[in-house]
Amino acid sequence: MRRRYELTDEEWNIVDPLLPLARKKQGGRPPKDRRQMLNAVLWVARTGAP
């Protein structure tokens, strides 16, 4: 079930090729799901959550 703040499949197909494939070796864990991570970032930006 898609929530109103999540990207549609069409939007994701446009954005996905623009994202970097791999992280630089600076440490940290790579995201399990890049789409879910982007949806979380957009949610914070849209709602103003701290």
N, C-alpha and C. Protein backbone atom coordinates (compact mmCIF):
# COMPACT_ATOMS: atom_id res chain seq x y z
N MET A 1 0.83 -1.17 0.00
CA MET A 1 0.00 0.00 0.00
C MET A 1 0.88 1.24 0.00
N ARG A 2 0.68 2.11 -0.98
CA ARG A 2 1.47 3.33 -1.10
C ARG A 2 0.86 4.43 -0.24
N ARG A 3 1.70 5.07 0.53
CA ARG A 3 1.23 6.21 1.33
C ARG A 3 1.34 7.48 0.51
N ARG A 4 0.63 8.49 0.90
CA ARG A 4 0.55 9.70 0.09
C ARG A 4 1.88 10.43 -0.06
N TYR A 5 2.80 10.25 0.87
CA TYR A 5 4.08 10.95 0.79
C TYR A 5 5.16 10.14 0.07
N GLU A 6 4.86 8.91 -0.33
CA GLU A 6 5.85 8.08 -0.99
C GLU A 6 5.87 8.32 -2.49
N LEU A 7 7.01 8.04 -3.10
CA LEU A 7 7.15 8.20 -4.54
C LEU A 7 6.32 7.15 -5.28
N THR A 8 5.73 7.56 -6.38
CA THR A 8 5.04 6.61 -7.24
C THR A 8 6.09 5.83 -8.03
N ASP A 9 5.67 4.76 -8.70
CA ASP A 9 6.61 3.99 -9.52
C ASP A 9 7.17 4.85 -10.65
N GLU A 10 6.34 5.68 -11.23
CA GLU A 10 6.81 6.56 -12.31
C GLU A 10 7.87 7.53 -11.80
N GLU A 11 7.63 8.14 -10.64
CA GLU A 11 8.61 9.07 -10.06
C GLU A 11 9.90 8.34 -9.73
N TRP A 12 9.79 7.14 -9.15
CA TRP A 12 10.98 6.38 -8.79
C TRP A 12 11.80 6.02 -10.02
N ASN A 13 11.15 5.65 -11.11
CA ASN A 13 11.86 5.29 -12.34
C ASN A 13 12.63 6.47 -12.91
N ILE A 14 12.18 7.69 -12.64
CA ILE A 14 12.90 8.88 -13.09
C ILE A 14 14.08 9.17 -12.18
N VAL A 15 13.88 9.04 -10.86
CA VAL A 15 14.90 9.42 -9.88
C VAL A 15 15.98 8.36 -9.72
N ASP A 16 15.64 7.09 -9.79
CA ASP A 16 16.58 6.01 -9.50
C ASP A 16 17.89 6.09 -10.29
N PRO A 17 17.86 6.33 -11.60
CA PRO A 17 19.14 6.39 -12.32
C PRO A 17 20.01 7.58 -11.93
N LEU A 18 19.44 8.57 -11.28
CA LEU A 18 20.20 9.75 -10.88
C LEU A 18 20.95 9.56 -9.57
N LEU A 19 20.60 8.55 -8.80
CA LEU A 19 21.23 8.30 -7.51
C LEU A 19 22.53 7.53 -7.70
N PRO A 20 23.53 7.81 -6.85
CA PRO A 20 24.79 7.05 -6.95
C PRO A 20 24.56 5.58 -6.61
N LEU A 21 25.32 4.71 -7.25
CA LEU A 21 25.15 3.27 -7.05
C LEU A 21 25.73 2.80 -5.72
N ALA A 22 26.90 3.29 -5.36
CA ALA A 22 27.55 2.80 -4.15
C ALA A 22 28.02 3.97 -3.31
N ARG A 23 28.14 3.71 -2.02
CA ARG A 23 28.65 4.71 -1.10
C ARG A 23 30.16 4.77 -1.14
N LYS A 24 30.69 5.94 -0.81
CA LYS A 24 32.13 6.05 -0.66
C LYS A 24 32.54 5.28 0.59
N LYS A 25 33.76 4.91 0.67
CA LYS A 25 34.24 4.12 1.81
C LYS A 25 34.52 5.03 3.00
N GLN A 26 33.49 5.64 3.52
CA GLN A 26 33.63 6.52 4.68
C GLN A 26 33.09 5.86 5.94
N GLY A 27 32.61 4.67 5.82
CA GLY A 27 32.04 3.98 6.96
C GLY A 27 30.52 4.02 6.89
N GLY A 28 29.92 3.44 7.86
CA GLY A 28 28.47 3.41 7.89
C GLY A 28 27.92 2.23 7.11
N ARG A 29 26.65 2.00 7.28
CA ARG A 29 25.98 0.89 6.65
C ARG A 29 25.26 1.36 5.39
N PRO A 30 25.34 0.62 4.30
CA PRO A 30 24.57 1.00 3.12
C PRO A 30 23.08 0.76 3.38
N PRO A 31 22.21 1.57 2.78
CA PRO A 31 20.77 1.35 2.99
C PRO A 31 20.32 0.03 2.39
N LYS A 32 19.37 -0.63 3.04
CA LYS A 32 18.85 -1.89 2.52
C LYS A 32 17.98 -1.64 1.29
N ASP A 33 17.23 -0.53 1.33
CA ASP A 33 16.32 -0.21 0.25
C ASP A 33 16.45 1.28 -0.06
N ARG A 34 17.04 1.60 -1.20
CA ARG A 34 17.28 3.00 -1.54
C ARG A 34 15.99 3.79 -1.69
N ARG A 35 14.96 3.15 -2.20
CA ARG A 35 13.68 3.84 -2.37
C ARG A 35 13.07 4.20 -1.01
N GLN A 36 13.14 3.28 -0.07
CA GLN A 36 12.62 3.54 1.27
C GLN A 36 13.40 4.67 1.93
N MET A 37 14.70 4.70 1.75
CA MET A 37 15.53 5.75 2.33
C MET A 37 15.17 7.11 1.73
N LEU A 38 14.97 7.17 0.42
CA LEU A 38 14.60 8.43 -0.22
C LEU A 38 13.21 8.88 0.24
N ASN A 39 12.28 7.94 0.37
CA ASN A 39 10.95 8.28 0.88
C ASN A 39 11.04 8.87 2.28
N ALA A 40 11.93 8.34 3.12
CA ALA A 40 12.10 8.86 4.47
C ALA A 40 12.65 10.29 4.44
N VAL A 41 13.62 10.54 3.60
CA VAL A 41 14.19 11.89 3.47
C VAL A 41 13.12 12.86 2.99
N LEU A 42 12.34 12.46 2.01
CA LEU A 42 11.28 13.33 1.50
C LEU A 42 10.20 13.57 2.55
N TRP A 43 9.89 12.57 3.35
CA TRP A 43 8.90 12.73 4.40
C TRP A 43 9.36 13.79 5.40
N VAL A 44 10.61 13.73 5.81
CA VAL A 44 11.14 14.72 6.75
C VAL A 44 11.09 16.11 6.12
N ALA A 45 11.46 16.21 4.85
CA ALA A 45 11.44 17.50 4.18
C ALA A 45 10.02 18.06 4.04
N ARG A 46 9.08 17.22 3.77
CA ARG A 46 7.69 17.67 3.56
C ARG A 46 6.98 18.00 4.85
N THR A 47 7.24 17.26 5.91
CA THR A 47 6.51 17.46 7.16
C THR A 47 7.22 18.41 8.11
N GLY A 48 8.50 18.65 7.88
CA GLY A 48 9.26 19.50 8.78
C GLY A 48 9.64 18.81 10.08
N ALA A 49 9.62 17.48 10.08
CA ALA A 49 9.99 16.73 11.27
C ALA A 49 11.46 16.97 11.60
N PRO A 50 11.78 17.13 12.86
CA PRO A 50 13.19 17.37 13.23
C PRO A 50 14.03 16.11 13.07
